C-alpha atoms as a PDB file:
ATOM      1  CA  SER A   1       0.099  -0.075  -0.019  1.00  0.00           C
ATOM      2  CA  CYS A   2       0.878   3.622  -0.340  1.00  0.00           C
ATOM      3  CA  SER A   3      -0.349   6.794   0.619  1.00  0.00           C
ATOM      4  CA  CYS A   4      -0.563  10.074  -1.331  1.00  0.00           C
ATOM      5  CA  PHE A   5      -0.796  11.783   2.444  1.00  0.00           C
ATOM      6  CA  PHE A   6       2.881  10.610   3.190  1.00  0.00           C
ATOM      7  CA  TYR A   7       5.939  12.240   1.847  1.00  0.00           C
ATOM      8  CA  GLN A   8       7.730   8.836   1.696  1.00  0.00           C
ATOM      9  CA  TYR A   9       5.439   7.533  -1.346  1.00  0.00           C
ATOM     10  CA  PHE A  10       7.971   5.487  -2.492  1.00  0.00           C
ATOM     11  CA  ARG A  11       7.654   3.055   0.382  1.00  0.00           C
ATOM     12  CA  CYS A  12       4.822   1.021  -1.430  1.00  0.00           C
ATOM     13  CA  TYR A  13       4.704  -2.344   0.283  1.00  0.00           C
ATOM     14  CA  SER A  14       3.978  -5.495  -1.244  1.00  0.00           C
ATOM     15  CA  PRO A  15       1.041  -7.233   0.213  1.00  0.00           C
ATOM     16  CA  VAL A  16       2.998 -10.603  -0.406  1.00  0.00           C
ATOM     17  CA  ALA A  17       6.489  -9.483   0.695  1.00  0.00           C
ATOM     18  CA  PHE A  18       4.894  -8.012   3.704  1.00  0.00           C
ATOM     19  CA  GLY A  19       3.049 -10.936   4.738  1.00  0.00           C
ATOM     20  CA  LYS A  20       6.038 -13.555   3.931  1.00  0.00           C
ATOM     21  CA  LYS A  21       8.370 -11.293   6.022  1.00  0.00           C
ATOM     22  CA  THR A  22       6.022 -10.788   8.896  1.00  0.00           C
ATOM     23  CA  ASP A  23       4.255 -14.320   8.761  1.00  0.00           C
ATOM     24  CA  PRO A  24       5.984 -16.679   7.020  1.00  0.00           C
ATOM     25  CA  ASN A  25       3.741 -19.520   7.846  1.00  0.00           C
ATOM     26  CA  GLY A  26       0.660 -17.690   6.788  1.00  0.00           C
ATOM     27  CA  ASP A  27      -1.258 -18.201  10.165  1.00  0.00           C
ATOM     28  CA  TYR A  28      -2.875 -14.784   9.607  1.00  0.00           C
ATOM     29  CA  ILE A  29      -4.514 -16.017   6.009  1.00  0.00           C
ATOM     30  CA  ARG A  30      -5.211 -19.648   7.186  1.00  0.00           C
ATOM     31  CA  LYS A  31      -7.359 -18.053  10.052  1.00  0.00           C
ATOM     32  CA  TRP A  32      -9.301 -15.302   8.384  1.00  0.00           C
ATOM     33  CA  ILE A  33      -9.354 -16.732   4.739  1.00  0.00           C
ATOM     34  CA  PRO A  34     -10.517 -20.435   5.315  1.00  0.00           C
ATOM     35  CA  LYS A  35     -10.531 -21.020   1.449  1.00  0.00           C
ATOM     36  CA  LEU A  36      -6.584 -20.671   1.319  1.00  0.00           C
ATOM     37  CA  LYS A  37      -5.944 -22.694   4.680  1.00  0.00           C
ATOM     38  CA  ASN A  38      -4.748 -26.043   2.921  1.00  0.00           C
ATOM     39  CA  PHE A  39      -2.284 -24.166   0.666  1.00  0.00           C
ATOM     40  CA  PRO A  40       1.128 -25.109   1.244  1.00  0.00           C
ATOM     41  CA  LYS A  41       3.344 -22.338   2.971  1.00  0.00           C
ATOM     42  CA  ALA A  42       5.283 -21.686  -0.601  1.00  0.00           C
ATOM     43  CA  TYR A  43       1.672 -20.889  -1.955  1.00  0.00           C
ATOM     44  CA  ILE A  44      -0.225 -19.315   0.810  1.00  0.00           C
ATOM     45  CA  TYR A  45       0.361 -15.654  -0.026  1.00  0.00           C
ATOM     46  CA  GLU A  46       0.368 -15.955  -3.922  1.00  0.00           C
ATOM     47  CA  PRO A  47      -2.159 -19.051  -4.613  1.00  0.00           C
ATOM     48  CA  TRP A  48      -2.529 -18.305  -8.188  1.00  0.00           C
ATOM     49  CA  LYS A  49       0.867 -19.494  -8.765  1.00  0.00           C
ATOM     50  CA  ALA A  50       0.122 -22.877  -7.427  1.00  0.00           C
ATOM     51  CA  PRO A  51      -0.452 -25.275  -9.980  1.00  0.00           C
ATOM     52  CA  ILE A  52      -3.939 -26.443 -10.596  1.00  0.00           C
ATOM     53  CA  SER A  53      -3.049 -30.141  -9.130  1.00  0.00           C
ATOM     54  CA  VAL A  54      -2.095 -28.193  -5.691  1.00  0.00           C
ATOM     55  CA  GLN A  55      -5.151 -26.203  -5.811  1.00  0.00           C
ATOM     56  CA  LYS A  56      -7.232 -29.294  -6.418  1.00  0.00           C
ATOM     57  CA  LYS A  57      -5.809 -30.893  -3.700  1.00  0.00           C
ATOM     58  CA  CYS A  58      -6.241 -27.985  -1.128  1.00  0.00           C
ATOM     59  CA  GLY A  59      -9.840 -27.946  -2.789  1.00  0.00           C
ATOM     60  CA  CYS A  60      -9.727 -24.420  -3.781  1.00  0.00           C
ATOM     61  CA  ILE A  61      -9.410 -23.632  -7.645  1.00  0.00           C
ATOM     62  CA  ILE A  62      -8.153 -19.770  -8.275  1.00  0.00           C
ATOM     63  CA  GLY A  63     -10.424 -17.817 -10.110  1.00  0.00           C
ATOM     64  CA  LYS A  64     -13.377 -20.473  -9.449  1.00  0.00           C
ATOM     65  CA  ASP A  65     -13.553 -20.827  -5.593  1.00  0.00           C
ATOM     66  CA  TYR A  66     -11.296 -17.763  -4.772  1.00  0.00           C
ATOM     67  CA  PRO A  67     -10.801 -14.704  -6.940  1.00  0.00           C
ATOM     68  CA  ARG A  68      -7.763 -13.967  -9.012  1.00  0.00           C
ATOM     69  CA  PRO A  69      -5.737 -10.904  -8.096  1.00  0.00           C
ATOM     70  CA  LEU A  70      -7.121  -7.596  -9.411  1.00  0.00           C
ATOM     71  CA  VAL A  71      -3.874  -6.324 -10.210  1.00  0.00           C
ATOM     72  CA  ASP A  72      -0.261  -7.467 -10.656  1.00  0.00           C
ATOM     73  CA  HIS A  73       1.194  -5.793  -7.748  1.00  0.00           C
ATOM     74  CA  THR A  74       4.801  -5.267  -9.066  1.00  0.00           C
ATOM     75  CA  PRO A  75       4.383  -3.184 -12.179  1.00  0.00           C
ATOM     76  CA  THR A  76       1.005  -1.402 -10.509  1.00  0.00           C
ATOM     77  CA  SER A  77       2.770  -0.320  -7.788  1.00  0.00           C
ATOM     78  CA  LYS A  78       5.780   1.119  -9.830  1.00  0.00           C
ATOM     79  CA  LYS A  79       3.153   2.940 -11.843  1.00  0.00           C
ATOM     80  CA  ASN A  80       1.519   4.333  -8.994  1.00  0.00           C
ATOM     81  CA  MET A  81       4.979   5.540  -7.522  1.00  0.00           C
ATOM     82  CA  SER A  82       5.751   6.855 -10.596  1.00  0.00           C
ATOM     83  CA  LYS A  83       2.369   8.950 -10.700  1.00  0.00           C
ATOM     84  CA  MET A  84       2.728  10.109  -7.165  1.00  0.00           C
ATOM     85  CA  LYS A  85       6.442  11.112  -7.731  1.00  0.00           C
ATOM     86  CA  ALA A  86       4.993  13.386 -10.412  1.00  0.00           C
ATOM     87  CA  ALA A  87       2.184  14.889  -8.304  1.00  0.00           C
ATOM     88  CA  TYR A  88       4.741  15.938  -5.368  1.00  0.00           C
ATOM     89  CA  ASP A  89       7.557  17.198  -8.200  1.00  0.00           C
ATOM     90  CA  ALA A  90       4.474  19.208  -9.459  1.00  0.00           C
ATOM     91  CA  HIS A  91       3.254  20.443  -6.184  1.00  0.00           C
ATOM     92  CA  LYS A  92       7.290  21.373  -5.091  1.00  0.00           C
ATOM     93  CA  ALA A  93       7.606  23.109  -8.392  1.00  0.00           C
ATOM     94  CA  SER A  94       4.478  25.465  -7.846  1.00  0.00           C
ATOM     95  CA  GLN A  95       5.340  25.925  -4.237  1.00  0.00           C
ATOM     96  CA  SER A  96       8.626  27.493  -5.391  1.00  0.00           C
ATOM     97  CA  GLY A  97       7.350  29.178  -8.076  1.00  0.00           C
ATOM     98  CA  SER A  98       4.547  31.078  -5.722  1.00  0.00           C
ATOM     99  CA  LYS A  99       7.580  31.528  -3.108  1.00  0.00           C
ATOM    100  CA  SER A 100       9.344  33.294  -5.500  1.00  0.00           C
ATOM    101  CA  SER A 101       6.858  35.541  -6.786  1.00  0.00           C
ATOM    102  CA  SER A 102       5.569  36.071  -3.161  1.00  0.00           C
ATOM    103  CA  SER A 103       9.067  37.459  -2.551  1.00  0.00           C
ATOM    104  CA  SER A 104       9.385  39.581  -5.265  1.00  0.00           C
ATOM    105  CA  ARG A 105       6.364  41.658  -4.517  1.00  0.00           C
ATOM    106  CA  ALA A 106       7.659  42.690  -0.862  1.00  0.00           C
END
Protein backbone atom coordinates (compact mmCIF):
# COMPACT_ATOMS: atom_id res chain seq x y z
CA SER A 1 0.00 0.00 0.00
CA CYS A 2 0.99 3.60 -0.52
CA SER A 3 -0.52 6.84 0.66
CA CYS A 4 -0.64 10.11 -1.18
CA PHE A 5 -0.64 11.82 2.24
CA PHE A 6 2.75 10.41 3.23
CA TYR A 7 5.81 12.20 1.91
CA GLN A 8 7.70 8.90 1.63
CA TYR A 9 5.38 7.72 -1.13
CA PHE A 10 8.14 5.46 -2.49
CA ARG A 11 7.61 3.09 0.44
CA CYS A 12 4.96 0.97 -1.18
CA TYR A 13 4.57 -2.31 0.65
CA SER A 14 3.85 -5.48 -1.27
CA PRO A 15 1.04 -7.50 0.29
CA VAL A 16 2.98 -10.64 -0.66
CA ALA A 17 6.45 -9.64 0.55
CA PHE A 18 5.12 -8.01 3.72
CA GLY A 19 3.17 -11.14 4.67
CA LYS A 20 6.08 -13.44 3.92
CA LYS A 21 8.34 -11.31 6.10
CA THR A 22 6.01 -10.83 9.08
CA ASP A 23 4.10 -14.15 9.04
CA PRO A 24 6.14 -16.69 7.04
CA ASN A 25 3.84 -19.61 7.84
CA GLY A 26 0.72 -17.70 6.77
CA ASP A 27 -1.12 -18.24 10.07
CA TYR A 28 -3.10 -15.02 9.66
CA ILE A 29 -4.22 -16.00 6.15
CA ARG A 30 -5.10 -19.53 7.31
CA LYS A 31 -7.23 -18.16 10.17
CA TRP A 32 -9.10 -15.40 8.34
CA ILE A 33 -9.36 -16.83 4.81
CA PRO A 34 -10.55 -20.41 5.31
CA LYS A 35 -10.58 -21.13 1.56
CA LEU A 36 -6.78 -20.83 1.56
CA LYS A 37 -6.00 -22.64 4.82
CA ASN A 38 -4.89 -25.88 3.11
CA PHE A 39 -2.38 -24.26 0.78
CA PRO A 40 1.28 -25.10 1.41
CA LYS A 41 3.48 -22.40 2.88
CA ALA A 42 5.11 -21.87 -0.53
CA TYR A 43 1.80 -20.69 -2.03
CA ILE A 44 -0.14 -19.25 0.91
CA TYR A 45 0.57 -15.64 -0.13
CA GLU A 46 0.35 -16.29 -3.88
CA PRO A 47 -2.17 -19.10 -4.33
CA TRP A 48 -2.68 -18.19 -8.00
CA LYS A 49 0.88 -19.40 -8.63
CA ALA A 50 0.14 -22.88 -7.29
CA PRO A 51 -0.10 -25.58 -9.95
CA ILE A 52 -3.65 -26.71 -10.64
CA SER A 53 -2.84 -30.07 -9.03
CA VAL A 54 -1.98 -28.30 -5.76
CA GLN A 55 -5.10 -26.14 -5.98
CA LYS A 56 -7.27 -29.25 -6.47
CA LYS A 57 -5.57 -31.02 -3.57
CA CYS A 58 -6.25 -27.96 -1.37
CA GLY A 59 -9.89 -27.84 -2.46
CA CYS A 60 -9.63 -24.31 -3.81
CA ILE A 61 -9.35 -23.46 -7.49
CA ILE A 62 -8.20 -19.89 -8.01
CA GLY A 63 -10.64 -18.06 -10.26
CA LYS A 64 -13.47 -20.40 -9.27
CA ASP A 65 -13.44 -20.88 -5.47
CA TYR A 66 -11.32 -17.82 -4.71
CA PRO A 67 -10.82 -14.74 -6.90
CA ARG A 68 -7.76 -14.10 -9.00
CA PRO A 69 -5.69 -11.00 -8.10
CA LEU A 70 -7.17 -7.74 -9.34
CA VAL A 71 -3.76 -6.40 -10.38
CA ASP A 72 -0.18 -7.56 -10.72
CA HIS A 73 1.24 -5.71 -7.73
CA THR A 74 4.80 -5.09 -8.94
CA PRO A 75 4.11 -3.11 -12.13
CA THR A 76 1.03 -1.49 -10.62
CA SER A 77 2.92 -0.21 -7.57
CA LYS A 78 5.74 1.11 -9.78
CA LYS A 79 3.22 2.95 -11.95
CA ASN A 80 1.51 4.33 -8.83
CA MET A 81 4.82 5.53 -7.34
CA SER A 82 5.71 7.18 -10.63
CA LYS A 83 2.41 9.09 -10.64
CA MET A 84 2.82 10.11 -7.00
CA LYS A 85 6.38 11.31 -7.69
CA ALA A 86 5.09 13.42 -10.57
CA ALA A 87 2.40 14.91 -8.32
CA TYR A 88 4.92 15.69 -5.55
CA ASP A 89 7.34 17.21 -8.06
CA ALA A 90 4.58 19.35 -9.58
CA HIS A 91 3.48 20.51 -6.13
CA LYS A 92 7.07 21.32 -5.11
CA ALA A 93 7.59 23.27 -8.34
CA SER A 94 4.39 25.24 -7.82
CA GLN A 95 5.40 26.04 -4.23
CA SER A 96 8.85 27.28 -5.22
CA GLY A 97 7.31 29.37 -8.00
CA SER A 98 4.78 30.97 -5.65
CA LYS A 99 7.46 31.69 -3.02
CA SER A 100 9.69 33.48 -5.50
CA SER A 101 6.82 35.53 -6.90
CA SER A 102 5.58 36.48 -3.41
CA SER A 103 9.09 37.47 -2.28
CA SER A 104 9.55 39.64 -5.36
CA ARG A 105 6.39 41.59 -4.42
CA ALA A 106 7.82 42.61 -1.06
